[in-house]
Amino acid sequence: MIKPTTLGRDDVELLDHDTVFQGYFHMDRYRLRHRKYDGDWSRPITREVLERGHAAAVLPYDPVTDRVLLIEQFRAGA
């Protein structure tokens, strides 16, 4: 089993941020880098985040094995 790793605020470096659209929706563009699970830092990446208020989530469940699928990934808008 892999030991769980927790990423926090100190594991993200915001390099640039600007609002690319402000209307019915709000869209921001972020340029950032984040700490990877091996401890190194990622290359700078750019992500657009659409703010719209409501969200949906999926929890994949396999009733045959009685297990849920959990994925750990970095998400800029989370």
C-alpha atoms as a PDB file:
ATOM      1  CA  MET A   1       0.000   0.000   0.000  1.00  0.00           C
ATOM      2  CA  ILE A   2       1.211   3.515  -0.834  1.00  0.00           C
ATOM      3  CA  LYS A   3       1.598   5.889   2.094  1.00  0.00           C
ATOM      4  CA  PRO A   4      -0.905   8.785   1.789  1.00  0.00           C
ATOM      5  CA  THR A   5       0.579  12.182   0.997  1.00  0.00           C
ATOM      6  CA  THR A   6      -1.085  15.474   1.813  1.00  0.00           C
ATOM      7  CA  LEU A   7      -0.480  18.571  -0.277  1.00  0.00           C
ATOM      8  CA  GLY A   8      -1.055  21.966   1.329  1.00  0.00           C
ATOM      9  CA  ARG A   9      -0.708  25.667   0.567  1.00  0.00           C
ATOM     10  CA  ASP A  10       3.085  25.523   0.900  1.00  0.00           C
ATOM     11  CA  ASP A  11       3.153  23.002  -1.949  1.00  0.00           C
ATOM     12  CA  VAL A  12       1.764  25.444  -4.545  1.00  0.00           C
ATOM     13  CA  GLU A  13       3.518  28.529  -5.905  1.00  0.00           C
ATOM     14  CA  LEU A  14       1.300  31.003  -7.766  1.00  0.00           C
ATOM     15  CA  LEU A  15       3.399  32.658 -10.473  1.00  0.00           C
ATOM     16  CA  ASP A  16       0.716  34.743 -12.198  1.00  0.00           C
ATOM     17  CA  HIS A  17      -3.058  35.289 -12.099  1.00  0.00           C
ATOM     18  CA  ASP A  18      -5.416  37.289 -14.276  1.00  0.00           C
ATOM     19  CA  THR A  19      -9.142  37.439 -14.945  1.00  0.00           C
ATOM     20  CA  VAL A  20      -9.798  36.540 -18.585  1.00  0.00           C
ATOM     21  CA  PHE A  21     -13.587  36.914 -18.509  1.00  0.00           C
ATOM     22  CA  GLN A  22     -16.055  38.562 -16.153  1.00  0.00           C
ATOM     23  CA  GLY A  23     -19.714  38.188 -17.059  1.00  0.00           C
ATOM     24  CA  TYR A  24     -22.396  35.611 -16.328  1.00  0.00           C
ATOM     25  CA  PHE A  25     -19.452  33.288 -15.696  1.00  0.00           C
ATOM     26  CA  HIS A  26     -16.099  34.246 -14.249  1.00  0.00           C
ATOM     27  CA  MET A  27     -12.903  32.778 -15.709  1.00  0.00           C
ATOM     28  CA  ASP A  28      -9.433  33.171 -14.232  1.00  0.00           C
ATOM     29  CA  ARG A  29      -6.113  32.059 -15.673  1.00  0.00           C
ATOM     30  CA  TYR A  30      -3.435  30.852 -13.277  1.00  0.00           C
ATOM     31  CA  ARG A  31       0.225  30.160 -13.963  1.00  0.00           C
ATOM     32  CA  LEU A  32       1.663  28.045 -11.171  1.00  0.00           C
ATOM     33  CA  ARG A  33       3.832  25.177 -10.173  1.00  0.00           C
ATOM     34  CA  HIS A  34       3.226  22.554  -7.522  1.00  0.00           C
ATOM     35  CA  ARG A  35       5.192  20.066  -5.521  1.00  0.00           C
ATOM     36  CA  LYS A  36       5.097  16.572  -6.974  1.00  0.00           C
ATOM     37  CA  TYR A  37       4.745  13.426  -4.885  1.00  0.00           C
ATOM     38  CA  ASP A  38       8.486  12.732  -5.148  1.00  0.00           C
ATOM     39  CA  GLY A  39       9.209  16.119  -3.503  1.00  0.00           C
ATOM     40  CA  ASP A  40      10.408  17.925  -6.650  1.00  0.00           C
ATOM     41  CA  TRP A  41       8.593  20.922  -8.127  1.00  0.00           C
ATOM     42  CA  SER A  42       6.640  20.704 -11.377  1.00  0.00           C
ATOM     43  CA  ARG A  43       7.406  22.860 -14.386  1.00  0.00           C
ATOM     44  CA  PRO A  44       5.230  26.000 -14.574  1.00  0.00           C
ATOM     45  CA  ILE A  45       1.748  25.146 -15.848  1.00  0.00           C
ATOM     46  CA  THR A  46      -1.180  27.314 -16.951  1.00  0.00           C
ATOM     47  CA  ARG A  47      -4.748  26.486 -15.972  1.00  0.00           C
ATOM     48  CA  GLU A  48      -8.027  28.254 -16.680  1.00  0.00           C
ATOM     49  CA  VAL A  49     -10.632  27.979 -13.934  1.00  0.00           C
ATOM     50  CA  LEU A  50     -14.312  28.603 -14.699  1.00  0.00           C
ATOM     51  CA  GLU A  51     -16.211  29.784 -11.629  1.00  0.00           C
ATOM     52  CA  ARG A  52     -19.903  29.054 -11.894  1.00  0.00           C
ATOM     53  CA  GLY A  53     -21.182  28.336  -8.408  1.00  0.00           C
ATOM     54  CA  HIS A  54     -22.666  24.851  -8.774  1.00  0.00           C
ATOM     55  CA  ALA A  55     -20.635  21.688  -9.123  1.00  0.00           C
ATOM     56  CA  ALA A  56     -21.033  17.959  -9.546  1.00  0.00           C
ATOM     57  CA  ALA A  57     -19.011  15.047  -8.237  1.00  0.00           C
ATOM     58  CA  VAL A  58     -18.751  11.353  -9.042  1.00  0.00           C
ATOM     59  CA  LEU A  59     -17.756   8.593  -6.641  1.00  0.00           C
ATOM     60  CA  PRO A  60     -17.065   5.453  -8.718  1.00  0.00           C
ATOM     61  CA  TYR A  61     -18.249   2.379  -6.811  1.00  0.00           C
ATOM     62  CA  ASP A  62     -17.813  -1.283  -7.782  1.00  0.00           C
ATOM     63  CA  PRO A  63     -20.575  -3.327  -6.086  1.00  0.00           C
ATOM     64  CA  VAL A  64     -18.892  -6.611  -7.053  1.00  0.00           C
ATOM     65  CA  THR A  65     -15.749  -5.853  -5.043  1.00  0.00           C
ATOM     66  CA  ASP A  66     -17.495  -3.421  -2.645  1.00  0.00           C
ATOM     67  CA  ARG A  67     -14.833  -0.777  -3.318  1.00  0.00           C
ATOM     68  CA  VAL A  68     -14.728   2.851  -4.339  1.00  0.00           C
ATOM     69  CA  LEU A  69     -12.144   4.286  -6.708  1.00  0.00           C
ATOM     70  CA  LEU A  70     -10.129   7.140  -5.216  1.00  0.00           C
ATOM     71  CA  ILE A  71      -7.725   9.176  -7.299  1.00  0.00           C
ATOM     72  CA  GLU A  72      -5.276  11.685  -5.885  1.00  0.00           C
ATOM     73  CA  GLN A  73      -4.354  14.487  -8.250  1.00  0.00           C
ATOM     74  CA  PHE A  74      -3.424  18.131  -8.117  1.00  0.00           C
ATOM     75  CA  ARG A  75      -6.344  20.417  -9.084  1.00  0.00           C
ATOM     76  CA  ALA A  76      -5.678  24.104  -9.536  1.00  0.00           C
ATOM     77  CA  GLY A  77      -9.256  25.174  -8.858  1.00  0.00           C
ATOM     78  CA  ALA A  78      -9.798  23.098  -5.776  1.00  0.00           C
END
